[in-house]
């Protein structure tokens, strides 16, 4: 039995894929609203959904391209209090998000960080951001030692 999956099904396929399954399992997926049988109508609906998804992906790619162009030219500067090798505090994802928004009017989400960006060390760091649609950009962060006027 050929069906169109409405949601991902383990070992069979992803959403909107046409797969061939045994009749009993196909009926089960249809009854649980995880699939629909392949008909001319369902194929037409699937084609419209794929066209809409492709258009959405193209729009997201244009937005991501502009964002990549902006972010690659930016180096965020932060200062941390430090004593010899030990720093006091950290540069967190939230601090990075806030600084990008305040100084460059760039809005990013905390889910875009590929790894935890809590930086405790003085120096230059490269943070990888996932913009979606398999597009990534590296954000440069420079952490310097805060100068004390008391010394």
C-alpha atoms as a PDB file:
ATOM      1  CA  UNK A   1       0.000   0.000   0.000  1.00  0.00           C
ATOM      2  CA  UNK A   2       1.347   3.430  -0.939  1.00  0.00           C
ATOM      3  CA  UNK A   3       0.787   6.220   1.552  1.00  0.00           C
ATOM      4  CA  UNK A   4       1.877   9.819   2.141  1.00  0.00           C
ATOM      5  CA  UNK A   5       3.283  10.373   5.611  1.00  0.00           C
ATOM      6  CA  UNK A   6       1.796  13.300   7.528  1.00  0.00           C
ATOM      7  CA  UNK A   7       4.418  13.058  10.276  1.00  0.00           C
ATOM      8  CA  UNK A   8       7.781  11.299  10.578  1.00  0.00           C
ATOM      9  CA  UNK A   9       7.518   7.544  11.115  1.00  0.00           C
ATOM     10  CA  UNK A  10      10.563   5.747  12.458  1.00  0.00           C
ATOM     11  CA  UNK A  11      12.155   3.335   9.973  1.00  0.00           C
ATOM     12  CA  UNK A  12       9.794   4.452   7.174  1.00  0.00           C
ATOM     13  CA  UNK A  13      10.322   8.111   6.343  1.00  0.00           C
ATOM     14  CA  UNK A  14       9.883  11.781   6.964  1.00  0.00           C
ATOM     15  CA  UNK A  15       6.855  14.033   6.701  1.00  0.00           C
ATOM     16  CA  UNK A  16       5.409  14.395   3.159  1.00  0.00           C
ATOM     17  CA  UNK A  17       7.245  11.334   1.818  1.00  0.00           C
ATOM     18  CA  UNK A  18       5.500   8.697  -0.257  1.00  0.00           C
ATOM     19  CA  UNK A  19       6.306   5.255   1.119  1.00  0.00           C
ATOM     20  CA  UNK A  20       5.218   1.693   0.477  1.00  0.00           C
ATOM     21  CA  UNK A  21       4.064  -0.242   3.571  1.00  0.00           C
ATOM     22  CA  UNK A  22       2.147  -3.418   4.318  1.00  0.00           C
ATOM     23  CA  UNK A  23      -1.640  -3.071   4.155  1.00  0.00           C
ATOM     24  CA  UNK A  24      -2.251  -3.551   7.893  1.00  0.00           C
ATOM     25  CA  UNK A  25       0.372  -1.036   8.946  1.00  0.00           C
ATOM     26  CA  UNK A  26      -0.852   1.393   6.283  1.00  0.00           C
ATOM     27  CA  UNK A  27      -4.406   1.209   7.645  1.00  0.00           C
ATOM     28  CA  UNK A  28      -3.062   1.761  11.177  1.00  0.00           C
ATOM     29  CA  UNK A  29      -1.136   4.890  10.069  1.00  0.00           C
ATOM     30  CA  UNK A  30      -4.197   6.227   8.263  1.00  0.00           C
ATOM     31  CA  UNK A  31      -6.479   5.622  11.269  1.00  0.00           C
ATOM     32  CA  UNK A  32      -4.024   7.365  13.618  1.00  0.00           C
ATOM     33  CA  UNK A  33      -3.783  10.363  11.247  1.00  0.00           C
ATOM     34  CA  UNK A  34      -0.091   9.771  10.568  1.00  0.00           C
ATOM     35  CA  UNK A  35      -0.649   9.123   6.855  1.00  0.00           C
ATOM     36  CA  UNK A  36      -3.119   9.378   3.983  1.00  0.00           C
ATOM     37  CA  UNK A  37      -3.535   7.024   1.033  1.00  0.00           C
ATOM     38  CA  UNK A  38      -2.000   8.083  -2.273  1.00  0.00           C
ATOM     39  CA  UNK A  39      -4.730   9.483  -4.532  1.00  0.00           C
ATOM     40  CA  UNK A  40      -4.806  12.159  -7.211  1.00  0.00           C
ATOM     41  CA  UNK A  41      -6.205  14.636  -4.675  1.00  0.00           C
ATOM     42  CA  UNK A  42      -3.603  13.843  -2.009  1.00  0.00           C
ATOM     43  CA  UNK A  43      -0.803  14.077  -4.611  1.00  0.00           C
ATOM     44  CA  UNK A  44      -2.090  17.511  -5.705  1.00  0.00           C
ATOM     45  CA  UNK A  45      -2.202  18.693  -2.078  1.00  0.00           C
ATOM     46  CA  UNK A  46       1.321  17.324  -1.511  1.00  0.00           C
ATOM     47  CA  UNK A  47       2.604  19.179  -4.600  1.00  0.00           C
ATOM     48  CA  UNK A  48       1.109  22.468  -3.321  1.00  0.00           C
ATOM     49  CA  UNK A  49       2.644  21.929   0.124  1.00  0.00           C
ATOM     50  CA  UNK A  50       6.074  21.220  -1.352  1.00  0.00           C
ATOM     51  CA  UNK A  51       5.836  24.329  -3.551  1.00  0.00           C
ATOM     52  CA  UNK A  52       4.876  26.423  -0.520  1.00  0.00           C
ATOM     53  CA  UNK A  53       7.751  24.924   1.500  1.00  0.00           C
ATOM     54  CA  UNK A  54      10.240  25.640  -1.307  1.00  0.00           C
ATOM     55  CA  UNK A  55       9.070  29.264  -1.455  1.00  0.00           C
ATOM     56  CA  UNK A  56       9.447  29.559   2.322  1.00  0.00           C
ATOM     57  CA  UNK A  57      12.968  28.077   2.136  1.00  0.00           C
ATOM     58  CA  UNK A  58      13.946  30.571  -0.594  1.00  0.00           C
ATOM     59  CA  UNK A  59      12.708  33.479   1.541  1.00  0.00           C
ATOM     60  CA  UNK A  60      14.608  32.155   4.565  1.00  0.00           C
ATOM     61  CA  UNK A  61      17.753  31.788   2.437  1.00  0.00           C
ATOM     62  CA  UNK A  62      17.552  35.466   1.405  1.00  0.00           C
ATOM     63  CA  UNK A  63      17.138  36.535   5.039  1.00  0.00           C
ATOM     64  CA  UNK A  64      20.016  34.291   6.127  1.00  0.00           C
ATOM     65  CA  UNK A  65      22.295  35.632   3.369  1.00  0.00           C
ATOM     66  CA  UNK A  66      21.788  39.201   4.577  1.00  0.00           C
ATOM     67  CA  UNK A  67      22.382  38.121   8.168  1.00  0.00           C
ATOM     68  CA  UNK A  68      25.561  36.238   7.230  1.00  0.00           C
ATOM     69  CA  UNK A  69      26.877  39.316   5.440  1.00  0.00           C
ATOM     70  CA  UNK A  70      26.266  41.490   8.521  1.00  0.00           C
ATOM     71  CA  UNK A  71      27.604  39.071  11.125  1.00  0.00           C
ATOM     72  CA  UNK A  72      30.848  38.109   9.345  1.00  0.00           C
ATOM     73  CA  UNK A  73      32.050  41.720   9.529  1.00  0.00           C
ATOM     74  CA  UNK A  74      31.345  42.067  13.268  1.00  0.00           C
ATOM     75  CA  UNK A  75      33.666  41.529  16.208  1.00  0.00           C
ATOM     76  CA  UNK A  76      31.937  41.877  19.570  1.00  0.00           C
ATOM     77  CA  UNK A  77      34.163  43.325  22.280  1.00  0.00           C
ATOM     78  CA  UNK A  78      33.684  42.400  25.926  1.00  0.00           C
ATOM     79  CA  UNK A  79      35.759  42.989  29.045  1.00  0.00           C
ATOM     80  CA  UNK A  80      36.097  40.716  32.050  1.00  0.00           C
ATOM     81  CA  UNK A  81      37.783  41.321  35.353  1.00  0.00           C
ATOM     82  CA  UNK A  82      40.774  39.033  35.588  1.00  0.00           C
ATOM     83  CA  UNK A  83      43.503  38.210  38.053  1.00  0.00           C
ATOM     84  CA  UNK A  84      46.467  36.422  36.439  1.00  0.00           C
ATOM     85  CA  UNK A  85      44.905  33.351  34.773  1.00  0.00           C
ATOM     86  CA  UNK A  86      41.520  33.484  36.479  1.00  0.00           C
ATOM     87  CA  UNK A  87      38.599  35.533  35.170  1.00  0.00           C
ATOM     88  CA  UNK A  88      35.665  36.719  37.215  1.00  0.00           C
ATOM     89  CA  UNK A  89      32.433  36.186  35.287  1.00  0.00           C
ATOM     90  CA  UNK A  90      31.622  34.904  31.824  1.00  0.00           C
ATOM     91  CA  UNK A  91      30.357  36.086  28.486  1.00  0.00           C
ATOM     92  CA  UNK A  92      27.062  34.211  28.117  1.00  0.00           C
ATOM     93  CA  UNK A  93      24.784  33.652  25.131  1.00  0.00           C
ATOM     94  CA  UNK A  94      22.393  36.225  26.581  1.00  0.00           C
ATOM     95  CA  UNK A  95      25.115  38.878  26.757  1.00  0.00           C
ATOM     96  CA  UNK A  96      26.010  38.199  23.129  1.00  0.00           C
ATOM     97  CA  UNK A  97      22.359  38.372  22.033  1.00  0.00           C
ATOM     98  CA  UNK A  98      21.820  41.624  23.933  1.00  0.00           C
ATOM     99  CA  UNK A  99      24.953  43.259  22.516  1.00  0.00           C
ATOM    100  CA  UNK A 100      24.076  42.276  18.937  1.00  0.00           C
ATOM    101  CA  UNK A 101      20.586  43.728  19.380  1.00  0.00           C
ATOM    102  CA  UNK A 102      21.734  46.933  21.098  1.00  0.00           C
ATOM    103  CA  UNK A 103      24.755  47.840  18.971  1.00  0.00           C
ATOM    104  CA  UNK A 104      23.944  46.338  15.559  1.00  0.00           C
ATOM    105  CA  UNK A 105      20.143  45.883  15.626  1.00  0.00           C
ATOM    106  CA  UNK A 106      20.580  42.185  14.812  1.00  0.00           C
ATOM    107  CA  UNK A 107      18.120  39.823  16.444  1.00  0.00           C
ATOM    108  CA  UNK A 108      19.179  36.232  16.985  1.00  0.00           C
ATOM    109  CA  UNK A 109      17.687  33.469  19.099  1.00  0.00           C
ATOM    110  CA  UNK A 110      19.391  31.464  21.825  1.00  0.00           C
ATOM    111  CA  UNK A 111      18.659  28.274  19.879  1.00  0.00           C
ATOM    112  CA  UNK A 112      20.990  29.431  17.090  1.00  0.00           C
ATOM    113  CA  UNK A 113      24.124  28.810  19.146  1.00  0.00           C
ATOM    114  CA  UNK A 114      25.773  25.573  18.012  1.00  0.00           C
ATOM    115  CA  UNK A 115      27.669  25.108  21.254  1.00  0.00           C
ATOM    116  CA  UNK A 116      27.495  26.738  24.650  1.00  0.00           C
ATOM    117  CA  UNK A 117      29.109  30.135  24.180  1.00  0.00           C
ATOM    118  CA  UNK A 118      29.945  30.769  27.835  1.00  0.00           C
ATOM    119  CA  UNK A 119      33.443  32.118  27.438  1.00  0.00           C
ATOM    120  CA  UNK A 120      35.593  32.465  30.524  1.00  0.00           C
ATOM    121  CA  UNK A 121      38.981  33.110  28.950  1.00  0.00           C
ATOM    122  CA  UNK A 122      40.633  36.278  27.731  1.00  0.00           C
ATOM    123  CA  UNK A 123      41.236  36.279  23.992  1.00  0.00           C
ATOM    124  CA  UNK A 124      39.500  35.875  20.655  1.00  0.00           C
ATOM    125  CA  UNK A 125      36.714  33.324  20.294  1.00  0.00           C
ATOM    126  CA  UNK A 126      34.738  32.166  17.257  1.00  0.00           C
ATOM    127  CA  UNK A 127      31.135  31.171  17.927  1.00  0.00           C
ATOM    128  CA  UNK A 128      29.226  29.155  15.344  1.00  0.00           C
ATOM    129  CA  UNK A 129      25.594  30.161  14.805  1.00  0.00           C
ATOM    130  CA  UNK A 130      23.045  27.932  13.052  1.00  0.00           C
ATOM    131  CA  UNK A 131      20.669  30.115  11.034  1.00  0.00           C
ATOM    132  CA  UNK A 132      18.513  27.207   9.845  1.00  0.00           C
ATOM    133  CA  UNK A 133      18.300  25.600   6.392  1.00  0.00           C
ATOM    134  CA  UNK A 134      21.819  24.199   6.955  1.00  0.00           C
ATOM    135  CA  UNK A 135      23.312  27.705   6.920  1.00  0.00           C
ATOM    136  CA  UNK A 136      25.951  28.668   9.477  1.00  0.00           C
ATOM    137  CA  UNK A 137      27.924  31.803  10.303  1.00  0.00           C
ATOM    138  CA  UNK A 138      30.895  32.433  12.574  1.00  0.00           C
ATOM    139  CA  UNK A 139      30.624  35.298  15.050  1.00  0.00           C
ATOM    140  CA  UNK A 140      33.886  36.774  16.358  1.00  0.00           C
ATOM    141  CA  UNK A 141      34.021  37.658  20.051  1.00  0.00           C
ATOM    142  CA  UNK A 142      36.996  39.419  21.616  1.00  0.00           C
ATOM    143  CA  UNK A 143      37.326  39.281  25.404  1.00  0.00           C
ATOM    144  CA  UNK A 144      39.828  41.635  26.985  1.00  0.00           C
ATOM    145  CA  UNK A 145      41.027  42.103  30.535  1.00  0.00           C
ATOM    146  CA  UNK A 146      39.349  44.966  32.369  1.00  0.00           C
ATOM    147  CA  UNK A 147      41.785  47.646  33.430  1.00  0.00           C
ATOM    148  CA  UNK A 148      41.794  48.649  37.084  1.00  0.00           C
ATOM    149  CA  UNK A 149      42.414  52.260  37.943  1.00  0.00           C
ATOM    150  CA  UNK A 150      43.496  51.215  41.458  1.00  0.00           C
ATOM    151  CA  UNK A 151      46.788  49.698  40.301  1.00  0.00           C
END
